[in-house]
Each structure stands twice: as C-alpha cells, then as structure tokens.
Amino acid sequence: MRPCLRTAAVVPVCAALVVGGCGSLNLFGEDADETYIEGSVEQLYNRAMDLMEKREFAEATKFFNEVDRQHPYSVWAPRSQLMVAYANYQAKDFETARLTIDRFLRLNPAHRDVPYAHYLKALSFFQDVRDTKRDPGPTRAAYEEFTLVAERFPSSKYADDSRRKANVLRDHLVGHEMEVGLFYQGKNQHLAAINRFKTVMQEYQGSRYVPEALHRMTESYVALGLRNEAQRTTAVLGRHFAKSQWYGHSQALLKGKRTSPVRAATPAAAPSGGTEKKEAAKAPPKTAEKSSKKSWFGRLFDRIF
C-alpha cells in the first residue's frame, strides 16, 4: 500500500521560493547547493513523493523534513515525520528509521497511524535478526514491538501479521536460550545451563523446545550428582510429554544409559532464511513488553523445584 497524500490543487511553479546565503536547492530538482527550501505544504510534500517514487530516499527525506519544519501545525507534519521513517527503512538505514519513529510517537501519541508506526519499528528490528547463535537483542526488540501491535491494536490491519511474526521470533528466542544452555553444558557449567533451560520452560509455554529443555536439565542434574532433582524433572517430562522422544532419553539416562545426542535435535532456523523476513514494509496508510507473567507450566515448575 502506498501513501497517496497529494492534494488535488495544481501547484504553481512560480510559488516556489528558494532562499539561501551561499546557495540553494530548487524545489523541482535542478542541481544546486542546499541551504533552505521554502514552499507550501503541497509543493514540499508532492515533491517528496515524486522522489520516493524514483527511490531517491535521501532527497525525499529533505522535503518531508521541510514540511515538518515549515508547517509544524499542519495535518501533513506528522505524516511527513512518518514518511521520513519509511524512507529510511526503504534505504535500509534501520537505526535512523527507529529513531524517527520514536520521535513521531513522542510527538503524536494519539495519532491514528500509531499502530503502523509500531509495526514499522518492529520490521526495522526484524531486518537485523540473525541466527540463534548471535545477539538476541534485535530479535527480542522486534518480538516486543510485534506483540505490542497485536495486543494493543488487535483490530488494526497489522495485527495478524504482527502475531505471525511474533510467533516466529518467540521460537527464535527459545532457540537462542537452548543454544546458550547447550554451550554451558559443553563447558561443564551445569548450573548456568540449568538456569537457561528453566527460562525456556517458565517464559515460553507451548514452545517445541520445552520437552528437550526438561531432558537437558535431567542431563545436568545427573552430571552434578543431583539424582533426586533429575528424577523430579523426568517426572514432570513424563507427566506432560509422555510421548516425546526426550522422555525416553531421560528414562534411559536415569538407568545409566545415554541415548540422546549432545546437540539439540531441532535447532531453530533463523528468520532471515524464511519468507517472513522478505516481506517489505508497506508505506503508511492513507488513513489512519515482554510480559512479566509466568506461564502455567512455569508456575508448576516453580512449585516442584
């Protein structure tokens, strides 16, 4: 969806005034040194949109910024702020896009395009997501923004896609916790590993990694000689995931046998490898935290341990 915010009025060329001390930039594109661009809302905004169509994003932002600066009380000012963010996103300058969105949200907290602003911010973090072995910061930030859109604006046109992407990122975050836990196991730092696997169970109910996390905890408890804890963890695994392969692995381990691989059987795929990452942000519409609550499984686990 492209923003189509042009006015029906014809923009007279003679109305474009350029004022500068050392040089100037003509409103309609002649090359010159830029100092100051003066024009009506219609002239500045329409010129910016022409540049957007030509994918000249850096130049377009200059004219959008002039709309905001010269006509701060017009209805086009907040839209221009958002278009600056969109232009930076299209130019793959995601950090600047996020900063611009933060400014838009700070200045226009009740604007009708607030859902889109959060959605675009989430997409800008999403583009920085890498595999589960990398820093999960962008993944967590994107997850929180998509979740915010889905929960605060459930009737917006961005809610469904935000919900889908949040689910992908949630699994990605769990995969990262598992990777770190397995790393600690490989270094015989079993207490640190156990804490990571507990995080998976307490904060990511329903994840496909929960059965493996329970088994990996059993492995670490056995390695530490804490057989009672290992038995309790296996009992929880059997109670809720009796048909899982990891329950069989835990039972065998308690009998002194190892049947499971050292590495996770199903590592998470990076979102960058799927179709979710390829979807480009759409332009603003013509109109318009990570939860602190533990899951039921996390609360159950706390009571047991």
C-alpha atoms as a PDB file:
ATOM      1  CA  MET A   1       0.000   0.000   0.000  1.00  0.00           C
ATOM      2  CA  ARG A   2       1.492   3.346  -0.966  1.00  0.00           C
ATOM      3  CA  PRO A   3       0.613   6.593   0.686  1.00  0.00           C
ATOM      4  CA  CYS A   4      -1.217   8.798  -1.738  1.00  0.00           C
ATOM      5  CA  LEU A   5      -1.438  12.074   0.087  1.00  0.00           C
ATOM      6  CA  ARG A   6      -1.298  14.505  -2.785  1.00  0.00           C
ATOM      7  CA  THR A   7      -3.741  17.331  -2.981  1.00  0.00           C
ATOM      8  CA  ALA A   8      -5.951  17.972  -5.948  1.00  0.00           C
ATOM      9  CA  ALA A   9      -4.804  21.544  -6.279  1.00  0.00           C
ATOM     10  CA  VAL A  10      -2.385  22.399  -9.057  1.00  0.00           C
ATOM     11  CA  VAL A  11       0.941  23.542  -7.648  1.00  0.00           C
ATOM     12  CA  PRO A  12       2.108  26.699  -9.397  1.00  0.00           C
ATOM     13  CA  VAL A  13       5.794  26.671 -10.189  1.00  0.00           C
ATOM     14  CA  CYS A  14       6.111  30.388  -9.600  1.00  0.00           C
ATOM     15  CA  ALA A  15       5.132  29.916  -5.947  1.00  0.00           C
ATOM     16  CA  ALA A  16       8.315  28.041  -5.127  1.00  0.00           C
ATOM     17  CA  LEU A  17      10.729  30.339  -3.403  1.00  0.00           C
ATOM     18  CA  VAL A  18      14.288  29.417  -2.630  1.00  0.00           C
ATOM     19  CA  VAL A  19      16.183  31.440  -0.098  1.00  0.00           C
ATOM     20  CA  GLY A  20      19.832  30.958   0.865  1.00  0.00           C
ATOM     21  CA  GLY A  21      23.006  32.699   1.790  1.00  0.00           C
ATOM     22  CA  CYS A  22      25.556  30.557  -0.062  1.00  0.00           C
ATOM     23  CA  GLY A  23      23.428  28.608  -2.450  1.00  0.00           C
ATOM     24  CA  SER A  24      20.042  26.954  -2.962  1.00  0.00           C
ATOM     25  CA  LEU A  25      18.145  23.834  -3.959  1.00  0.00           C
ATOM     26  CA  ASN A  26      15.388  24.315  -6.489  1.00  0.00           C
ATOM     27  CA  LEU A  27      12.125  22.796  -5.333  1.00  0.00           C
ATOM     28  CA  PHE A  28      11.643  20.984  -8.623  1.00  0.00           C
ATOM     29  CA  GLY A  29      15.012  19.306  -8.854  1.00  0.00           C
ATOM     30  CA  GLU A  30      17.666  21.484 -10.524  1.00  0.00           C
ATOM     31  CA  ASP A  31      21.082  20.818  -9.072  1.00  0.00           C
ATOM     32  CA  ALA A  32      22.351  23.391  -6.573  1.00  0.00           C
ATOM     33  CA  ASP A  33      23.809  23.587  -3.102  1.00  0.00           C
ATOM     34  CA  GLU A  34      21.126  23.065  -0.486  1.00  0.00           C
ATOM     35  CA  THR A  35      20.642  25.601   2.270  1.00  0.00           C
ATOM     36  CA  TYR A  36      16.946  26.258   2.630  1.00  0.00           C
ATOM     37  CA  ILE A  37      13.847  25.159   0.747  1.00  0.00           C
ATOM     38  CA  GLU A  38      10.728  27.243   1.060  1.00  0.00           C
ATOM     39  CA  GLY A  39       7.360  26.186  -0.267  1.00  0.00           C
ATOM     40  CA  SER A  40       3.779  25.374   0.525  1.00  0.00           C
ATOM     41  CA  VAL A  41       2.771  22.111   2.141  1.00  0.00           C
ATOM     42  CA  GLU A  42       1.512  20.849  -1.198  1.00  0.00           C
ATOM     43  CA  GLN A  43       4.706  21.705  -3.037  1.00  0.00           C
ATOM     44  CA  LEU A  44       7.062  20.197  -0.492  1.00  0.00           C
ATOM     45  CA  TYR A  45       5.032  17.059   0.122  1.00  0.00           C
ATOM     46  CA  ASN A  46       4.352  16.343  -3.533  1.00  0.00           C
ATOM     47  CA  ARG A  47       8.000  16.837  -4.411  1.00  0.00           C
ATOM     48  CA  ALA A  48       8.968  14.405  -1.664  1.00  0.00           C
ATOM     49  CA  MET A  49       6.512  11.849  -3.008  1.00  0.00           C
ATOM     50  CA  ASP A  50       7.929  12.220  -6.520  1.00  0.00           C
ATOM     51  CA  LEU A  51      11.381  11.459  -5.139  1.00  0.00           C
ATOM     52  CA  MET A  52      10.025   8.450  -3.235  1.00  0.00           C
ATOM     53  CA  GLU A  53       8.658   7.041  -6.491  1.00  0.00           C
ATOM     54  CA  LYS A  54      12.126   7.422  -8.004  1.00  0.00           C
ATOM     55  CA  ARG A  55      13.595   5.692  -4.921  1.00  0.00           C
ATOM     56  CA  GLU A  56      15.673   8.758  -4.139  1.00  0.00           C
ATOM     57  CA  PHE A  57      15.065   8.296  -0.451  1.00  0.00           C
ATOM     58  CA  ALA A  58      17.743  10.618   0.930  1.00  0.00           C
ATOM     59  CA  GLU A  59      16.456  13.526  -1.137  1.00  0.00           C
ATOM     60  CA  ALA A  60      12.859  12.724  -0.270  1.00  0.00           C
ATOM     61  CA  THR A  61      13.590  12.968   3.449  1.00  0.00           C
ATOM     62  CA  LYS A  62      14.834  16.541   2.974  1.00  0.00           C
ATOM     63  CA  PHE A  63      11.487  17.655   1.607  1.00  0.00           C
ATOM     64  CA  PHE A  64       9.484  15.701   4.191  1.00  0.00           C
ATOM     65  CA  ASN A  65      11.591  17.335   6.886  1.00  0.00           C
ATOM     66  CA  GLU A  66      10.851  20.747   5.397  1.00  0.00           C
ATOM     67  CA  VAL A  67       7.123  20.040   5.623  1.00  0.00           C
ATOM     68  CA  ASP A  68       7.561  19.260   9.307  1.00  0.00           C
ATOM     69  CA  ARG A  69       9.789  22.276   9.925  1.00  0.00           C
ATOM     70  CA  GLN A  70       7.935  24.930   7.928  1.00  0.00           C
ATOM     71  CA  HIS A  71       4.385  23.733   8.603  1.00  0.00           C
ATOM     72  CA  PRO A  72       4.544  22.091  12.050  1.00  0.00           C
ATOM     73  CA  TYR A  73       0.839  22.615  12.775  1.00  0.00           C
ATOM     74  CA  SER A  74      -0.479  21.236   9.508  1.00  0.00           C
ATOM     75  CA  VAL A  75      -2.041  17.780   9.265  1.00  0.00           C
ATOM     76  CA  TRP A  76       0.843  16.861   6.964  1.00  0.00           C
ATOM     77  CA  ALA A  77       3.558  17.386   9.574  1.00  0.00           C
ATOM     78  CA  PRO A  78       3.062  14.112  11.493  1.00  0.00           C
ATOM     79  CA  ARG A  79       2.585  12.251   8.214  1.00  0.00           C
ATOM     80  CA  SER A  80       5.862  13.685   6.953  1.00  0.00           C
ATOM     81  CA  GLN A  81       7.613  12.535  10.125  1.00  0.00           C
ATOM     82  CA  LEU A  82       6.375   9.030   9.492  1.00  0.00           C
ATOM     83  CA  MET A  83       7.334   9.198   5.835  1.00  0.00           C
ATOM     84  CA  VAL A  84      10.893  10.109   6.847  1.00  0.00           C
ATOM     85  CA  ALA A  85      10.988   6.889   8.860  1.00  0.00           C
ATOM     86  CA  TYR A  86       9.582   4.928   5.931  1.00  0.00           C
ATOM     87  CA  ALA A  87      12.132   6.441   3.537  1.00  0.00           C
ATOM     88  CA  ASN A  88      14.967   5.489   5.886  1.00  0.00           C
ATOM     89  CA  TYR A  89      13.568   1.980   6.190  1.00  0.00           C
ATOM     90  CA  GLN A  90      13.481   1.654   2.405  1.00  0.00           C
ATOM     91  CA  ALA A  91      17.068   2.911   2.286  1.00  0.00           C
ATOM     92  CA  LYS A  92      17.964   0.161   4.809  1.00  0.00           C
ATOM     93  CA  ASP A  93      19.000   2.699   7.422  1.00  0.00           C
ATOM     94  CA  PHE A  94      17.049   0.895  10.104  1.00  0.00           C
ATOM     95  CA  GLU A  95      18.567   2.643  13.103  1.00  0.00           C
ATOM     96  CA  THR A  96      17.629   6.088  11.775  1.00  0.00           C
ATOM     97  CA  ALA A  97      14.182   4.788  10.904  1.00  0.00           C
ATOM     98  CA  ARG A  98      13.663   3.681  14.515  1.00  0.00           C
ATOM     99  CA  LEU A  99      14.853   6.999  15.910  1.00  0.00           C
ATOM    100  CA  THR A 100      12.465   8.853  13.620  1.00  0.00           C
ATOM    101  CA  ILE A 101       9.590   6.599  14.655  1.00  0.00           C
ATOM    102  CA  ASP A 102      10.362   7.237  18.322  1.00  0.00           C
ATOM    103  CA  ARG A 103      10.144  10.968  17.655  1.00  0.00           C
ATOM    104  CA  PHE A 104       6.829  10.537  15.829  1.00  0.00           C
ATOM    105  CA  LEU A 105       5.400   8.528  18.735  1.00  0.00           C
ATOM    106  CA  ARG A 106       6.631  11.036  21.279  1.00  0.00           C
ATOM    107  CA  LEU A 107       5.083  13.984  19.428  1.00  0.00           C
ATOM    108  CA  ASN A 108       1.900  12.231  18.270  1.00  0.00           C
ATOM    109  CA  PRO A 109       0.877   9.661  20.907  1.00  0.00           C
ATOM    110  CA  ALA A 110      -2.786   9.685  19.835  1.00  0.00           C
ATOM    111  CA  HIS A 111      -2.292   9.818  16.065  1.00  0.00           C
ATOM    112  CA  ARG A 112      -4.303   7.344  14.018  1.00  0.00           C
ATOM    113  CA  ASP A 113      -1.108   5.984  12.438  1.00  0.00           C
ATOM    114  CA  VAL A 114       0.437   4.938  15.763  1.00  0.00           C
ATOM    115  CA  PRO A 115      -0.270   1.216  15.038  1.00  0.00           C
ATOM    116  CA  TYR A 116       1.598   1.500  11.750  1.00  0.00           C
ATOM    117  CA  ALA A 117       4.488   3.325  13.446  1.00  0.00           C
ATOM    118  CA  HIS A 118       4.970   0.450  15.910  1.00  0.00           C
ATOM    119  CA  TYR A 119       4.634  -2.060  13.084  1.00  0.00           C
ATOM    120  CA  LEU A 120       7.292  -0.286  11.007  1.00  0.00           C
ATOM    121  CA  LYS A 121       9.566  -0.106  14.049  1.00  0.00           C
ATOM    122  CA  ALA A 122       9.126  -3.852  14.576  1.00  0.00           C
ATOM    123  CA  LEU A 123      10.015  -4.504  10.935  1.00  0.00           C
ATOM    124  CA  SER A 124      13.143  -2.382  11.251  1.00  0.00           C
ATOM    125  CA  PHE A 125      14.297  -4.562  14.160  1.00  0.00           C
ATOM    126  CA  PHE A 126      13.217  -7.680  12.249  1.00  0.00           C
ATOM    127  CA  GLN A 127      15.639  -6.855   9.458  1.00  0.00           C
ATOM    128  CA  ASP A 128      18.513  -7.033  11.959  1.00  0.00           C
ATOM    129  CA  VAL A 129      17.625 -10.523  13.230  1.00  0.00           C
ATOM    130  CA  ARG A 130      20.313 -13.130  12.652  1.00  0.00           C
ATOM    131  CA  ASP A 131      20.680 -16.790  13.642  1.00  0.00           C
ATOM    132  CA  THR A 132      20.210 -18.147  17.162  1.00  0.00           C
ATOM    133  CA  LYS A 133      23.926 -18.005  17.935  1.00  0.00           C
ATOM    134  CA  ARG A 134      24.014 -14.206  17.593  1.00  0.00           C
ATOM    135  CA  ASP A 135      22.985 -11.376  19.902  1.00  0.00           C
ATOM    136  CA  PRO A 136      19.247 -11.786  20.547  1.00  0.00           C
ATOM    137  CA  GLY A 137      18.750  -8.050  21.159  1.00  0.00           C
ATOM    138  CA  PRO A 138      17.125  -7.237  17.783  1.00  0.00           C
ATOM    139  CA  THR A 139      15.064 -10.424  17.985  1.00  0.00           C
ATOM    140  CA  ARG A 140      13.684  -9.537  21.406  1.00  0.00           C
ATOM    141  CA  ALA A 141      13.021  -5.919  20.398  1.00  0.00           C
ATOM    142  CA  ALA A 142      11.162  -6.997  17.257  1.00  0.00           C
ATOM    143  CA  TYR A 143       9.188  -9.573  19.245  1.00  0.00           C
ATOM    144  CA  GLU A 144       8.128  -6.973  21.799  1.00  0.00           C
ATOM    145  CA  GLU A 145       7.051  -4.478  19.134  1.00  0.00           C
ATOM    146  CA  PHE A 146       5.060  -7.056  17.140  1.00  0.00           C
ATOM    147  CA  THR A 147       3.457  -8.255  20.360  1.00  0.00           C
ATOM    148  CA  LEU A 148       2.560  -4.680  21.260  1.00  0.00           C
ATOM    149  CA  VAL A 149       0.820  -4.190  17.910  1.00  0.00           C
ATOM    150  CA  ALA A 150      -1.097  -7.466  18.219  1.00  0.00           C
ATOM    151  CA  GLU A 151      -2.224  -6.800  21.787  1.00  0.00           C
ATOM    152  CA  ARG A 152      -2.823  -3.038  21.825  1.00  0.00           C
ATOM    153  CA  PHE A 153      -4.243  -2.729  18.329  1.00  0.00           C
ATOM    154  CA  PRO A 154      -5.960  -6.092  17.669  1.00  0.00           C
ATOM    155  CA  SER A 155      -8.385  -4.622  15.135  1.00  0.00           C
ATOM    156  CA  SER A 156      -5.707  -2.901  13.045  1.00  0.00           C
ATOM    157  CA  LYS A 157      -4.686  -4.264   9.666  1.00  0.00           C
ATOM    158  CA  TYR A 158      -1.227  -5.014  11.088  1.00  0.00           C
ATOM    159  CA  ALA A 159      -2.362  -7.215  13.980  1.00  0.00           C
ATOM    160  CA  ASP A 160      -2.487 -10.568  12.159  1.00  0.00           C
ATOM    161  CA  ASP A 161       0.898 -10.211  10.520  1.00  0.00           C
ATOM    162  CA  SER A 162       2.387  -8.962  13.788  1.00  0.00           C
ATOM    163  CA  ARG A 163       1.009 -12.007  15.566  1.00  0.00           C
ATOM    164  CA  ARG A 164       2.542 -14.356  12.983  1.00  0.00           C
ATOM    165  CA  LYS A 165       5.934 -12.685  13.123  1.00  0.00           C
ATOM    166  CA  ALA A 166       5.874 -12.593  16.931  1.00  0.00           C
ATOM    167  CA  ASN A 167       5.367 -16.373  16.946  1.00  0.00           C
ATOM    168  CA  VAL A 168       8.354 -16.844  14.638  1.00  0.00           C
ATOM    169  CA  LEU A 169      10.515 -14.613  16.805  1.00  0.00           C
ATOM    170  CA  ARG A 170       9.348 -16.268  20.000  1.00  0.00           C
ATOM    171  CA  ASP A 171      10.590 -19.626  18.742  1.00  0.00           C
ATOM    172  CA  HIS A 172      13.806 -17.913  17.700  1.00  0.00           C
ATOM    173  CA  LEU A 173      14.337 -16.558  21.212  1.00  0.00           C
ATOM    174  CA  VAL A 174      13.778 -20.010  22.692  1.00  0.00           C
ATOM    175  CA  GLY A 175      16.309 -21.425  20.240  1.00  0.00           C
ATOM    176  CA  HIS A 176      18.841 -18.913  21.474  1.00  0.00           C
ATOM    177  CA  GLU A 177      18.263 -19.908  25.105  1.00  0.00           C
ATOM    178  CA  MET A 178      18.741 -23.546  24.152  1.00  0.00           C
ATOM    179  CA  GLU A 179      21.938 -22.752  22.258  1.00  0.00           C
ATOM    180  CA  VAL A 180      23.390 -20.967  25.279  1.00  0.00           C
ATOM    181  CA  GLY A 181      22.307 -23.751  27.613  1.00  0.00           C
ATOM    182  CA  LEU A 182      23.942 -26.372  25.431  1.00  0.00           C
ATOM    183  CA  PHE A 183      27.082 -24.257  25.252  1.00  0.00           C
ATOM    184  CA  TYR A 184      27.281 -24.189  29.058  1.00  0.00           C
ATOM    185  CA  GLN A 185      26.695 -27.924  29.170  1.00  0.00           C
ATOM    186  CA  GLY A 186      29.590 -28.418  26.781  1.00  0.00           C
ATOM    187  CA  LYS A 187      31.771 -26.405  29.170  1.00  0.00           C
ATOM    188  CA  ASN A 188      30.531 -28.443  32.181  1.00  0.00           C
ATOM    189  CA  GLN A 189      28.936 -25.297  33.631  1.00  0.00           C
ATOM    190  CA  HIS A 190      25.771 -27.137  34.531  1.00  0.00           C
ATOM    191  CA  LEU A 191      24.205 -24.648  36.935  1.00  0.00           C
ATOM    192  CA  ALA A 192      24.344 -21.953  34.261  1.00  0.00           C
ATOM    193  CA  ALA A 193      22.897 -24.425  31.768  1.00  0.00           C
ATOM    194  CA  ILE A 194      20.043 -25.345  34.101  1.00  0.00           C
ATOM    195  CA  ASN A 195      19.110 -21.677  34.507  1.00  0.00           C
ATOM    196  CA  ARG A 196      18.838 -21.302  30.730  1.00  0.00           C
ATOM    197  CA  PHE A 197      16.651 -24.379  30.382  1.00  0.00           C
ATOM    198  CA  LYS A 198      14.445 -23.142  33.225  1.00  0.00           C
ATOM    199  CA  THR A 199      13.953 -19.905  31.309  1.00  0.00           C
ATOM    200  CA  VAL A 200      12.657 -21.881  28.340  1.00  0.00           C
ATOM    201  CA  MET A 201      10.030 -23.602  30.480  1.00  0.00           C
ATOM    202  CA  GLN A 202       8.993 -20.620  32.548  1.00  0.00           C
ATOM    203  CA  GLU A 203       8.768 -17.967  29.855  1.00  0.00           C
ATOM    204  CA  TYR A 204       7.962 -19.827  26.644  1.00  0.00           C
ATOM    205  CA  GLN A 205       4.994 -22.082  27.305  1.00  0.00           C
ATOM    206  CA  GLY A 206       3.993 -24.114  24.284  1.00  0.00           C
ATOM    207  CA  SER A 207       7.400 -23.989  22.621  1.00  0.00           C
ATOM    208  CA  ARG A 208       8.542 -27.148  20.875  1.00  0.00           C
ATOM    209  CA  TYR A 209      11.753 -26.904  22.903  1.00  0.00           C
ATOM    210  CA  VAL A 210      10.159 -27.431  26.319  1.00  0.00           C
ATOM    211  CA  PRO A 211      10.457 -31.266  26.315  1.00  0.00           C
ATOM    212  CA  GLU A 212      14.109 -31.055  25.296  1.00  0.00           C
ATOM    213  CA  ALA A 213      14.779 -28.377  27.911  1.00  0.00           C
ATOM    214  CA  LEU A 214      13.432 -30.711  30.620  1.00  0.00           C
ATOM    215  CA  HIS A 215      15.624 -33.525  29.369  1.00  0.00           C
ATOM    216  CA  ARG A 216      18.692 -31.292  29.239  1.00  0.00           C
ATOM    217  CA  MET A 217      18.025 -30.325  32.834  1.00  0.00           C
ATOM    218  CA  THR A 218      17.962 -34.015  33.706  1.00  0.00           C
ATOM    219  CA  GLU A 219      21.345 -34.387  31.985  1.00  0.00           C
ATOM    220  CA  SER A 220      22.841 -31.543  34.013  1.00  0.00           C
ATOM    221  CA  TYR A 221      21.373 -32.778  37.290  1.00  0.00           C
ATOM    222  CA  VAL A 222      22.830 -36.232  36.640  1.00  0.00           C
ATOM    223  CA  ALA A 223      26.201 -34.656  35.810  1.00  0.00           C
ATOM    224  CA  LEU A 224      26.088 -32.775  39.130  1.00  0.00           C
ATOM    225  CA  GLY A 225      25.116 -35.925  41.035  1.00  0.00           C
ATOM    226  CA  LEU A 226      21.696 -34.484  41.974  1.00  0.00           C
ATOM    227  CA  ARG A 227      19.691 -37.608  41.303  1.00  0.00           C
ATOM    228  CA  ASN A 228      16.541 -36.546  43.155  1.00  0.00           C
ATOM    229  CA  GLU A 229      16.272 -33.374  41.075  1.00  0.00           C
ATOM    230  CA  ALA A 230      16.899 -35.403  37.929  1.00  0.00           C
ATOM    231  CA  GLN A 231      14.088 -37.789  38.843  1.00  0.00           C
ATOM    232  CA  ARG A 232      11.662 -34.944  39.564  1.00  0.00           C
ATOM    233  CA  THR A 233      12.468 -33.273  36.251  1.00  0.00           C
ATOM    234  CA  THR A 234      11.925 -36.548  34.413  1.00  0.00           C
ATOM    235  CA  ALA A 235       8.617 -36.998  36.210  1.00  0.00           C
ATOM    236  CA  VAL A 236       7.450 -33.585  35.011  1.00  0.00           C
ATOM    237  CA  LEU A 237       8.541 -34.501  31.488  1.00  0.00           C
ATOM    238  CA  GLY A 238       6.632 -37.792  31.649  1.00  0.00           C
ATOM    239  CA  ARG A 239       3.520 -36.166  33.082  1.00  0.00           C
ATOM    240  CA  HIS A 240       3.192 -33.578  30.322  1.00  0.00           C
ATOM    241  CA  PHE A 241       5.130 -35.037  27.379  1.00  0.00           C
ATOM    242  CA  ALA A 242       4.957 -38.802  27.814  1.00  0.00           C
ATOM    243  CA  LYS A 243       5.033 -39.395  24.052  1.00  0.00           C
ATOM    244  CA  SER A 244       8.059 -37.199  23.471  1.00  0.00           C
ATOM    245  CA  GLN A 245      11.333 -38.818  22.451  1.00  0.00           C
ATOM    246  CA  TRP A 246      13.003 -36.757  25.184  1.00  0.00           C
ATOM    247  CA  TYR A 247      11.100 -38.620  27.888  1.00  0.00           C
ATOM    248  CA  GLY A 248      12.604 -41.877  26.677  1.00  0.00           C
ATOM    249  CA  HIS A 249      16.043 -40.296  26.657  1.00  0.00           C
ATOM    250  CA  SER A 250      15.612 -39.112  30.256  1.00  0.00           C
ATOM    251  CA  GLN A 251      14.393 -42.505  31.433  1.00  0.00           C
ATOM    252  CA  ALA A 252      17.385 -44.176  29.828  1.00  0.00           C
ATOM    253  CA  LEU A 253      19.732 -41.623  31.370  1.00  0.00           C
ATOM    254  CA  LEU A 254      18.417 -42.358  34.851  1.00  0.00           C
ATOM    255  CA  LYS A 255      19.220 -46.010  34.193  1.00  0.00           C
ATOM    256  CA  GLY A 256      22.824 -45.105  33.386  1.00  0.00           C
ATOM    257  CA  LYS A 257      22.454 -45.026  29.615  1.00  0.00           C
ATOM    258  CA  ARG A 258      22.803 -42.119  27.187  1.00  0.00           C
ATOM    259  CA  THR A 259      20.563 -42.265  24.140  1.00  0.00           C
ATOM    260  CA  SER A 260      20.235 -38.596  23.186  1.00  0.00           C
ATOM    261  CA  PRO A 261      22.580 -36.504  21.041  1.00  0.00           C
ATOM    262  CA  VAL A 262      24.767 -33.911  22.702  1.00  0.00           C
ATOM    263  CA  ARG A 263      23.391 -31.152  20.469  1.00  0.00           C
ATOM    264  CA  ALA A 264      19.750 -30.163  20.118  1.00  0.00           C
ATOM    265  CA  ALA A 265      17.901 -32.307  17.601  1.00  0.00           C
ATOM    266  CA  THR A 266      15.920 -29.446  16.091  1.00  0.00           C
ATOM    267  CA  PRO A 267      17.806 -26.129  16.115  1.00  0.00           C
ATOM    268  CA  ALA A 268      15.766 -23.050  15.323  1.00  0.00           C
ATOM    269  CA  ALA A 269      16.010 -21.676  11.822  1.00  0.00           C
ATOM    270  CA  ALA A 270      16.908 -18.010  11.539  1.00  0.00           C
ATOM    271  CA  PRO A 271      14.013 -15.829  10.430  1.00  0.00           C
ATOM    272  CA  SER A 272      16.325 -14.350   7.799  1.00  0.00           C
ATOM    273  CA  GLY A 273      16.106 -17.635   5.923  1.00  0.00           C
ATOM    274  CA  GLY A 274      12.334 -17.623   5.541  1.00  0.00           C
ATOM    275  CA  THR A 275       9.682 -15.727   3.682  1.00  0.00           C
ATOM    276  CA  GLU A 276       8.764 -13.728   6.780  1.00  0.00           C
ATOM    277  CA  LYS A 277      11.949 -11.651   6.524  1.00  0.00           C
ATOM    278  CA  LYS A 278      11.483 -10.919   2.834  1.00  0.00           C
ATOM    279  CA  GLU A 279       8.259  -9.003   3.205  1.00  0.00           C
ATOM    280  CA  ALA A 280       8.958  -5.297   2.761  1.00  0.00           C
ATOM    281  CA  ALA A 281       7.300  -2.651   4.832  1.00  0.00           C
ATOM    282  CA  LYS A 282       4.339  -1.015   3.238  1.00  0.00           C
ATOM    283  CA  ALA A 283       4.029   2.724   3.286  1.00  0.00           C
ATOM    284  CA  PRO A 284       1.874   4.425   5.905  1.00  0.00           C
ATOM    285  CA  PRO A 285      -1.852   4.019   5.271  1.00  0.00           C
ATOM    286  CA  LYS A 286      -3.817   6.754   3.624  1.00  0.00           C
ATOM    287  CA  THR A 287      -5.998   6.995   6.705  1.00  0.00           C
ATOM    288  CA  ALA A 288      -5.113   6.208   9.673  1.00  0.00           C
ATOM    289  CA  GLU A 289       6.551  -5.556  26.854  1.00  0.00           C
ATOM    290  CA  LYS A 290       7.747  -8.600  27.254  1.00  0.00           C
ATOM    291  CA  SER A 291       5.163  -9.991  29.655  1.00  0.00           C
ATOM    292  CA  SER A 292       6.255 -10.452  33.230  1.00  0.00           C
ATOM    293  CA  LYS A 293       3.619 -13.124  33.853  1.00  0.00           C
ATOM    294  CA  LYS A 294       4.803 -16.707  34.019  1.00  0.00           C
ATOM    295  CA  SER A 295       3.034 -19.467  32.152  1.00  0.00           C
ATOM    296  CA  TRP A 296       1.041 -22.153  33.934  1.00  0.00           C
ATOM    297  CA  PHE A 297       3.899 -24.543  33.244  1.00  0.00           C
ATOM    298  CA  GLY A 298       6.434 -22.137  34.707  1.00  0.00           C
ATOM    299  CA  ARG A 299       4.358 -21.728  37.861  1.00  0.00           C
ATOM    300  CA  LEU A 300       4.000 -25.509  38.155  1.00  0.00           C
ATOM    301  CA  PHE A 301       7.741 -25.935  37.770  1.00  0.00           C
ATOM    302  CA  ASP A 302       8.393 -23.337  40.471  1.00  0.00           C
ATOM    303  CA  ARG A 303       6.181 -25.247  42.894  1.00  0.00           C
ATOM    304  CA  ILE A 304       8.020 -28.510  42.191  1.00  0.00           C
ATOM    305  CA  PHE A 305      11.520 -27.062  42.390  1.00  0.00           C
END
